[in-house]
Amino acid sequence: MQAGGASPRRSPGRPPVPLERIIAAAVEIVDQDGAEALSMRTLAQRLGSGTATLYRHFDNRAALVAHVVDRMFGAVELSVDEFAAMGWQQACRTIANGMFDTLRRHRNATPLLAEQDPMGPNAMALRERCIAVLLDNGFPPRTAARAYATLAHYVLGFAIQLKGYDGTDRDDARVAAAFREVDPHVYPATAAVADSLPVRLEDEFSFGLDLVLRGLDQLRNCE
């Protein structure tokens, strides 16, 4: 009891933090400091709040990661009308390129994708559209499911290589010079294609994606 019989006042709790602000701060941590830096504690510190505030929204870090990953996939823009007018190969190419561009902007996020399968609404929408266009174009359900999984993991595999890759010609020029200097008597095949080496990551991605889609077309025709 305080003097005069008055009851002590309780200090007001911290105000709730909007979910959108929390996810934006989490994405910022991943982009700036890496996926391993994302924790409830570091996120609370970034927000100037307490971990209890975060646990109002997420049961654990895995739930937080799910929201962060889905926020990133929400940046993949797909016009419903344009997508419906595409052939299945172009539709799959558009989704794969959109996912790759998103992970290019968030290069530190790839370890988060290895932690769990993306199951948020944005990721589900991408999966749904891609599988739907495959089913609509004659792919059996089992093949359509495997085709999407293959495309998604193909994108992730290349996205992992983006970390530390700045997209400039500096390293390529150094490696290209090394290939041109190989002994043609020891490495005749490499010397024969030296002018085409190294293959830029973006070109490699596009070339491989075409191979995957052509292979799926052959598989569809064999079913």
C-alpha atoms as a PDB file:
ATOM      1  CA  MET A   1       0.000   0.000   0.000  1.00  0.00           C
ATOM      2  CA  GLN A   2       1.235   3.463  -0.837  1.00  0.00           C
ATOM      3  CA  ALA A   3       0.866   6.434   1.539  1.00  0.00           C
ATOM      4  CA  GLY A   4      -2.737   7.467   1.929  1.00  0.00           C
ATOM      5  CA  GLY A   5      -3.964   3.913   1.310  1.00  0.00           C
ATOM      6  CA  ALA A   6      -3.737   4.128  -2.486  1.00  0.00           C
ATOM      7  CA  SER A   7      -3.037   0.884  -4.361  1.00  0.00           C
ATOM      8  CA  PRO A   8       0.197   0.763  -6.367  1.00  0.00           C
ATOM      9  CA  ARG A   9      -0.248   1.237 -10.109  1.00  0.00           C
ATOM     10  CA  ARG A  10       0.831  -1.526 -12.439  1.00  0.00           C
ATOM     11  CA  SER A  11       3.159  -0.431 -15.172  1.00  0.00           C
ATOM     12  CA  PRO A  12       1.418  -0.656 -18.511  1.00  0.00           C
ATOM     13  CA  GLY A  13       2.496  -3.583 -20.668  1.00  0.00           C
ATOM     14  CA  ARG A  14       4.200  -3.029 -23.994  1.00  0.00           C
ATOM     15  CA  PRO A  15       1.721  -2.292 -26.783  1.00  0.00           C
ATOM     16  CA  PRO A  16       1.107  -5.083 -29.271  1.00  0.00           C
ATOM     17  CA  VAL A  17       3.221  -5.030 -32.409  1.00  0.00           C
ATOM     18  CA  PRO A  18       1.371  -5.473 -35.748  1.00  0.00           C
ATOM     19  CA  LEU A  19       2.144  -8.743 -37.494  1.00  0.00           C
ATOM     20  CA  GLU A  20       3.161  -6.960 -40.697  1.00  0.00           C
ATOM     21  CA  ARG A  21       5.800  -4.960 -38.853  1.00  0.00           C
ATOM     22  CA  ILE A  22       7.130  -8.090 -37.173  1.00  0.00           C
ATOM     23  CA  ILE A  23       7.513  -9.974 -40.456  1.00  0.00           C
ATOM     24  CA  ALA A  24       9.140  -6.974 -42.136  1.00  0.00           C
ATOM     25  CA  ALA A  25      11.689  -6.748 -39.320  1.00  0.00           C
ATOM     26  CA  ALA A  26      12.370 -10.496 -39.526  1.00  0.00           C
ATOM     27  CA  VAL A  27      13.002 -10.273 -43.271  1.00  0.00           C
ATOM     28  CA  GLU A  28      15.333  -7.347 -42.632  1.00  0.00           C
ATOM     29  CA  ILE A  29      17.352  -9.403 -40.130  1.00  0.00           C
ATOM     30  CA  VAL A  30      17.696 -12.261 -42.606  1.00  0.00           C
ATOM     31  CA  ASP A  31      18.711  -9.942 -45.449  1.00  0.00           C
ATOM     32  CA  GLN A  32      21.258  -8.048 -43.356  1.00  0.00           C
ATOM     33  CA  ASP A  33      22.656 -10.644 -40.966  1.00  0.00           C
ATOM     34  CA  GLY A  34      21.749 -14.068 -42.393  1.00  0.00           C
ATOM     35  CA  ALA A  35      19.210 -16.761 -41.624  1.00  0.00           C
ATOM     36  CA  GLU A  36      21.137 -17.993 -38.596  1.00  0.00           C
ATOM     37  CA  ALA A  37      20.723 -14.565 -36.968  1.00  0.00           C
ATOM     38  CA  LEU A  38      16.943 -14.817 -36.911  1.00  0.00           C
ATOM     39  CA  SER A  39      15.695 -15.716 -33.430  1.00  0.00           C
ATOM     40  CA  MET A  40      12.863 -14.592 -31.216  1.00  0.00           C
ATOM     41  CA  ARG A  41      15.341 -12.702 -29.051  1.00  0.00           C
ATOM     42  CA  THR A  42      17.075 -10.818 -31.872  1.00  0.00           C
ATOM     43  CA  LEU A  43      13.737 -10.021 -33.478  1.00  0.00           C
ATOM     44  CA  ALA A  44      12.346  -8.659 -30.209  1.00  0.00           C
ATOM     45  CA  GLN A  45      15.452  -6.503 -29.810  1.00  0.00           C
ATOM     46  CA  ARG A  46      15.084  -5.179 -33.354  1.00  0.00           C
ATOM     47  CA  LEU A  47      11.470  -4.237 -32.606  1.00  0.00           C
ATOM     48  CA  GLY A  48      12.262  -2.758 -29.204  1.00  0.00           C
ATOM     49  CA  SER A  49       9.810  -5.193 -27.684  1.00  0.00           C
ATOM     50  CA  GLY A  50       9.799  -8.378 -25.616  1.00  0.00           C
ATOM     51  CA  THR A  51       9.672 -11.981 -26.759  1.00  0.00           C
ATOM     52  CA  ALA A  52       6.275 -12.335 -25.105  1.00  0.00           C
ATOM     53  CA  THR A  53       4.908  -9.990 -27.760  1.00  0.00           C
ATOM     54  CA  LEU A  54       6.173 -12.326 -30.476  1.00  0.00           C
ATOM     55  CA  TYR A  55       4.746 -15.425 -28.844  1.00  0.00           C
ATOM     56  CA  ARG A  56       1.309 -13.860 -29.197  1.00  0.00           C
ATOM     57  CA  HIS A  57       1.741 -14.416 -32.944  1.00  0.00           C
ATOM     58  CA  PHE A  58       4.052 -17.458 -33.182  1.00  0.00           C
ATOM     59  CA  ASP A  59       4.300 -20.625 -31.133  1.00  0.00           C
ATOM     60  CA  ASN A  60       7.991 -20.991 -31.941  1.00  0.00           C
ATOM     61  CA  ARG A  61      10.759 -19.995 -34.353  1.00  0.00           C
ATOM     62  CA  ALA A  62       9.546 -22.501 -36.958  1.00  0.00           C
ATOM     63  CA  ALA A  63       6.217 -20.674 -37.142  1.00  0.00           C
ATOM     64  CA  LEU A  64       8.067 -17.382 -37.544  1.00  0.00           C
ATOM     65  CA  VAL A  65      10.219 -18.823 -40.332  1.00  0.00           C
ATOM     66  CA  ALA A  66       7.093 -20.037 -42.131  1.00  0.00           C
ATOM     67  CA  HIS A  67       5.714 -16.494 -42.157  1.00  0.00           C
ATOM     68  CA  VAL A  68       9.017 -14.996 -43.292  1.00  0.00           C
ATOM     69  CA  VAL A  69       9.370 -17.417 -46.195  1.00  0.00           C
ATOM     70  CA  ASP A  70       5.777 -16.899 -47.255  1.00  0.00           C
ATOM     71  CA  ARG A  71       6.230 -13.138 -47.154  1.00  0.00           C
ATOM     72  CA  MET A  72       9.092 -13.507 -49.637  1.00  0.00           C
ATOM     73  CA  PHE A  73       7.074 -15.736 -51.955  1.00  0.00           C
ATOM     74  CA  GLY A  74       4.324 -13.123 -51.895  1.00  0.00           C
ATOM     75  CA  ALA A  75       6.602 -10.934 -54.020  1.00  0.00           C
ATOM     76  CA  VAL A  76       6.249 -13.350 -56.959  1.00  0.00           C
ATOM     77  CA  GLU A  77       3.683 -11.525 -59.049  1.00  0.00           C
ATOM     78  CA  LEU A  78       1.498 -13.578 -61.347  1.00  0.00           C
ATOM     79  CA  SER A  79      -1.300 -12.040 -63.359  1.00  0.00           C
ATOM     80  CA  VAL A  80      -4.178 -14.503 -63.315  1.00  0.00           C
ATOM     81  CA  ASP A  81      -5.304 -13.562 -66.843  1.00  0.00           C
ATOM     82  CA  GLU A  82      -1.803 -13.658 -68.330  1.00  0.00           C
ATOM     83  CA  PHE A  83      -1.011 -16.916 -66.588  1.00  0.00           C
ATOM     84  CA  ALA A  84      -4.196 -18.547 -67.913  1.00  0.00           C
ATOM     85  CA  ALA A  85      -3.229 -17.587 -71.470  1.00  0.00           C
ATOM     86  CA  MET A  86       0.228 -19.175 -71.283  1.00  0.00           C
ATOM     87  CA  GLY A  87       1.157 -22.628 -72.423  1.00  0.00           C
ATOM     88  CA  TRP A  88       2.242 -24.963 -69.635  1.00  0.00           C
ATOM     89  CA  GLN A  89       5.951 -24.616 -70.378  1.00  0.00           C
ATOM     90  CA  GLN A  90       5.847 -20.831 -70.299  1.00  0.00           C
ATOM     91  CA  ALA A  91       3.716 -20.924 -67.162  1.00  0.00           C
ATOM     92  CA  CYS A  92       6.251 -23.150 -65.384  1.00  0.00           C
ATOM     93  CA  ARG A  93       9.111 -20.999 -66.652  1.00  0.00           C
ATOM     94  CA  THR A  94       7.399 -17.859 -65.353  1.00  0.00           C
ATOM     95  CA  ILE A  95       6.924 -19.373 -61.889  1.00  0.00           C
ATOM     96  CA  ALA A  96      10.506 -20.678 -61.738  1.00  0.00           C
ATOM     97  CA  ASN A  97      11.956 -17.338 -62.843  1.00  0.00           C
ATOM     98  CA  GLY A  98       9.759 -15.478 -60.367  1.00  0.00           C
ATOM     99  CA  MET A  99      10.912 -17.682 -57.504  1.00  0.00           C
ATOM    100  CA  PHE A 100      14.552 -17.354 -58.570  1.00  0.00           C
ATOM    101  CA  ASP A 101      14.297 -13.555 -58.780  1.00  0.00           C
ATOM    102  CA  THR A 102      12.758 -13.454 -55.299  1.00  0.00           C
ATOM    103  CA  LEU A 103      15.568 -15.543 -53.833  1.00  0.00           C
ATOM    104  CA  ARG A 104      18.085 -13.387 -55.686  1.00  0.00           C
ATOM    105  CA  ARG A 105      16.745 -10.410 -53.728  1.00  0.00           C
ATOM    106  CA  HIS A 106      16.843 -12.401 -50.486  1.00  0.00           C
ATOM    107  CA  ARG A 107      20.030 -14.414 -50.896  1.00  0.00           C
ATOM    108  CA  ASN A 108      20.390 -15.150 -47.203  1.00  0.00           C
ATOM    109  CA  ALA A 109      16.990 -16.823 -47.044  1.00  0.00           C
ATOM    110  CA  THR A 110      17.852 -20.130 -48.718  1.00  0.00           C
ATOM    111  CA  PRO A 111      18.727 -21.916 -45.431  1.00  0.00           C
ATOM    112  CA  LEU A 112      15.199 -21.143 -44.215  1.00  0.00           C
ATOM    113  CA  LEU A 113      13.768 -23.040 -47.192  1.00  0.00           C
ATOM    114  CA  ALA A 114      15.830 -26.046 -46.223  1.00  0.00           C
ATOM    115  CA  GLU A 115      14.263 -26.042 -42.753  1.00  0.00           C
ATOM    116  CA  GLN A 116      10.703 -26.738 -43.892  1.00  0.00           C
ATOM    117  CA  ASP A 117       8.482 -27.026 -46.954  1.00  0.00           C
ATOM    118  CA  PRO A 118       6.800 -23.669 -47.676  1.00  0.00           C
ATOM    119  CA  MET A 119       3.121 -24.093 -46.769  1.00  0.00           C
ATOM    120  CA  GLY A 120       1.949 -20.495 -46.344  1.00  0.00           C
ATOM    121  CA  PRO A 121      -0.826 -19.020 -48.505  1.00  0.00           C
ATOM    122  CA  ASN A 122       1.544 -17.391 -51.017  1.00  0.00           C
ATOM    123  CA  ALA A 123       3.636 -20.534 -51.466  1.00  0.00           C
ATOM    124  CA  MET A 124       0.489 -22.633 -51.706  1.00  0.00           C
ATOM    125  CA  ALA A 125      -0.884 -20.324 -54.406  1.00  0.00           C
ATOM    126  CA  LEU A 126       2.284 -20.766 -56.492  1.00  0.00           C
ATOM    127  CA  ARG A 127       2.179 -24.534 -56.052  1.00  0.00           C
ATOM    128  CA  GLU A 128      -1.530 -24.646 -56.871  1.00  0.00           C
ATOM    129  CA  ARG A 129      -1.203 -22.668 -60.100  1.00  0.00           C
ATOM    130  CA  CYS A 130       1.758 -24.644 -61.359  1.00  0.00           C
ATOM    131  CA  ILE A 131       0.255 -28.053 -60.608  1.00  0.00           C
ATOM    132  CA  ALA A 132      -3.119 -26.966 -62.015  1.00  0.00           C
ATOM    133  CA  VAL A 133      -1.605 -25.954 -65.354  1.00  0.00           C
ATOM    134  CA  LEU A 134       0.242 -29.284 -65.533  1.00  0.00           C
ATOM    135  CA  LEU A 135      -2.929 -31.249 -64.807  1.00  0.00           C
ATOM    136  CA  ASP A 136      -4.854 -29.190 -67.358  1.00  0.00           C
ATOM    137  CA  ASN A 137      -2.262 -30.087 -69.989  1.00  0.00           C
ATOM    138  CA  GLY A 138      -2.429 -33.831 -69.606  1.00  0.00           C
ATOM    139  CA  PHE A 139       0.081 -34.596 -66.856  1.00  0.00           C
ATOM    140  CA  PRO A 140      -1.027 -37.435 -64.563  1.00  0.00           C
ATOM    141  CA  PRO A 141      -1.365 -36.351 -60.901  1.00  0.00           C
ATOM    142  CA  ARG A 142       1.737 -38.241 -59.761  1.00  0.00           C
ATOM    143  CA  THR A 143       3.855 -36.740 -62.543  1.00  0.00           C
ATOM    144  CA  ALA A 144       2.468 -33.231 -61.981  1.00  0.00           C
ATOM    145  CA  ALA A 145       3.364 -33.403 -58.290  1.00  0.00           C
ATOM    146  CA  ARG A 146       6.891 -34.596 -59.031  1.00  0.00           C
ATOM    147  CA  ALA A 147       7.317 -32.003 -61.770  1.00  0.00           C
ATOM    148  CA  TYR A 148       6.531 -29.142 -59.399  1.00  0.00           C
ATOM    149  CA  ALA A 149       8.804 -30.550 -56.692  1.00  0.00           C
ATOM    150  CA  THR A 150      11.619 -30.859 -59.216  1.00  0.00           C
ATOM    151  CA  LEU A 151      11.163 -27.284 -60.440  1.00  0.00           C
ATOM    152  CA  ALA A 152      11.068 -25.905 -56.895  1.00  0.00           C
ATOM    153  CA  HIS A 153      14.212 -27.735 -55.837  1.00  0.00           C
ATOM    154  CA  TYR A 154      15.949 -26.802 -59.094  1.00  0.00           C
ATOM    155  CA  VAL A 155      15.335 -23.137 -58.270  1.00  0.00           C
ATOM    156  CA  LEU A 156      16.504 -23.604 -54.688  1.00  0.00           C
ATOM    157  CA  GLY A 157      19.688 -25.343 -55.810  1.00  0.00           C
ATOM    158  CA  PHE A 158      20.653 -22.408 -57.993  1.00  0.00           C
ATOM    159  CA  ALA A 159      19.543 -19.857 -55.407  1.00  0.00           C
ATOM    160  CA  ILE A 160      21.965 -21.369 -52.889  1.00  0.00           C
ATOM    161  CA  GLN A 161      24.787 -20.521 -55.296  1.00  0.00           C
ATOM    162  CA  LEU A 162      23.745 -16.859 -55.341  1.00  0.00           C
ATOM    163  CA  LYS A 163      25.161 -16.197 -51.875  1.00  0.00           C
ATOM    164  CA  GLY A 164      28.454 -14.446 -52.421  1.00  0.00           C
ATOM    165  CA  TYR A 165      27.770 -14.086 -56.153  1.00  0.00           C
ATOM    166  CA  ASP A 166      27.621 -10.429 -57.172  1.00  0.00           C
ATOM    167  CA  GLY A 167      26.735 -10.962 -60.837  1.00  0.00           C
ATOM    168  CA  THR A 168      29.743  -8.995 -62.113  1.00  0.00           C
ATOM    169  CA  ASP A 169      32.230 -10.042 -64.761  1.00  0.00           C
ATOM    170  CA  ARG A 170      35.229  -9.695 -62.425  1.00  0.00           C
ATOM    171  CA  ASP A 171      35.526 -13.334 -61.347  1.00  0.00           C
ATOM    172  CA  ASP A 172      34.281 -14.632 -64.696  1.00  0.00           C
ATOM    173  CA  ALA A 173      37.105 -12.817 -66.487  1.00  0.00           C
ATOM    174  CA  ARG A 174      39.702 -14.352 -64.176  1.00  0.00           C
ATOM    175  CA  VAL A 175      38.301 -17.862 -64.594  1.00  0.00           C
ATOM    176  CA  ALA A 176      37.923 -17.400 -68.355  1.00  0.00           C
ATOM    177  CA  ALA A 177      41.590 -16.466 -68.619  1.00  0.00           C
ATOM    178  CA  ALA A 178      42.548 -19.585 -66.688  1.00  0.00           C
ATOM    179  CA  PHE A 179      40.538 -21.798 -69.046  1.00  0.00           C
ATOM    180  CA  ARG A 180      42.159 -20.225 -72.100  1.00  0.00           C
ATOM    181  CA  GLU A 181      45.583 -21.027 -70.678  1.00  0.00           C
ATOM    182  CA  VAL A 182      45.031 -24.758 -70.158  1.00  0.00           C
ATOM    183  CA  ASP A 183      47.356 -27.090 -71.999  1.00  0.00           C
ATOM    184  CA  PRO A 184      45.413 -28.332 -75.063  1.00  0.00           C
ATOM    185  CA  HIS A 185      47.476 -31.522 -75.098  1.00  0.00           C
ATOM    186  CA  VAL A 186      46.422 -32.405 -71.537  1.00  0.00           C
ATOM    187  CA  TYR A 187      42.870 -30.992 -71.646  1.00  0.00           C
ATOM    188  CA  PRO A 188      41.921 -30.939 -75.354  1.00  0.00           C
ATOM    189  CA  ALA A 189      38.148 -30.929 -74.777  1.00  0.00           C
ATOM    190  CA  THR A 190      38.321 -28.086 -72.267  1.00  0.00           C
ATOM    191  CA  ALA A 191      40.578 -26.105 -74.600  1.00  0.00           C
ATOM    192  CA  ALA A 192      38.090 -26.594 -77.434  1.00  0.00           C
ATOM    193  CA  VAL A 193      35.308 -24.903 -75.460  1.00  0.00           C
ATOM    194  CA  ALA A 194      37.458 -22.456 -73.482  1.00  0.00           C
ATOM    195  CA  ASP A 195      35.938 -19.435 -75.206  1.00  0.00           C
ATOM    196  CA  SER A 196      32.535 -20.456 -73.822  1.00  0.00           C
ATOM    197  CA  LEU A 197      33.724 -20.900 -70.218  1.00  0.00           C
ATOM    198  CA  PRO A 198      32.755 -20.172 -67.551  1.00  0.00           C
ATOM    199  CA  VAL A 199      28.994 -20.223 -68.049  1.00  0.00           C
ATOM    200  CA  ARG A 200      27.324 -17.368 -66.184  1.00  0.00           C
ATOM    201  CA  LEU A 201      25.007 -18.492 -63.431  1.00  0.00           C
ATOM    202  CA  GLU A 202      21.992 -16.816 -65.016  1.00  0.00           C
ATOM    203  CA  ASP A 203      22.670 -18.487 -68.368  1.00  0.00           C
ATOM    204  CA  GLU A 204      23.198 -21.824 -66.648  1.00  0.00           C
ATOM    205  CA  PHE A 205      19.876 -21.440 -64.855  1.00  0.00           C
ATOM    206  CA  SER A 206      17.980 -20.650 -68.067  1.00  0.00           C
ATOM    207  CA  PHE A 207      19.662 -23.439 -70.016  1.00  0.00           C
ATOM    208  CA  GLY A 208      18.972 -26.014 -67.318  1.00  0.00           C
ATOM    209  CA  LEU A 209      15.382 -24.870 -66.927  1.00  0.00           C
ATOM    210  CA  ASP A 210      14.816 -25.403 -70.645  1.00  0.00           C
ATOM    211  CA  LEU A 211      16.254 -28.912 -70.320  1.00  0.00           C
ATOM    212  CA  VAL A 212      13.930 -29.701 -67.415  1.00  0.00           C
ATOM    213  CA  LEU A 213      10.864 -28.452 -69.287  1.00  0.00           C
ATOM    214  CA  ARG A 214      11.770 -30.335 -72.462  1.00  0.00           C
ATOM    215  CA  GLY A 215      12.285 -33.461 -70.430  1.00  0.00           C
ATOM    216  CA  LEU A 216       8.865 -33.032 -68.815  1.00  0.00           C
ATOM    217  CA  ASP A 217       7.333 -32.643 -72.248  1.00  0.00           C
ATOM    218  CA  GLN A 218       8.857 -35.951 -73.331  1.00  0.00           C
ATOM    219  CA  LEU A 219       7.645 -37.583 -70.133  1.00  0.00           C
ATOM    220  CA  ARG A 220       4.122 -36.293 -70.646  1.00  0.00           C
ATOM    221  CA  ASN A 221       4.057 -37.679 -74.168  1.00  0.00           C
ATOM    222  CA  CYS A 222       5.203 -41.072 -72.909  1.00  0.00           C
ATOM    223  CA  GLU A 223       2.449 -41.386 -70.306  1.00  0.00           C
END
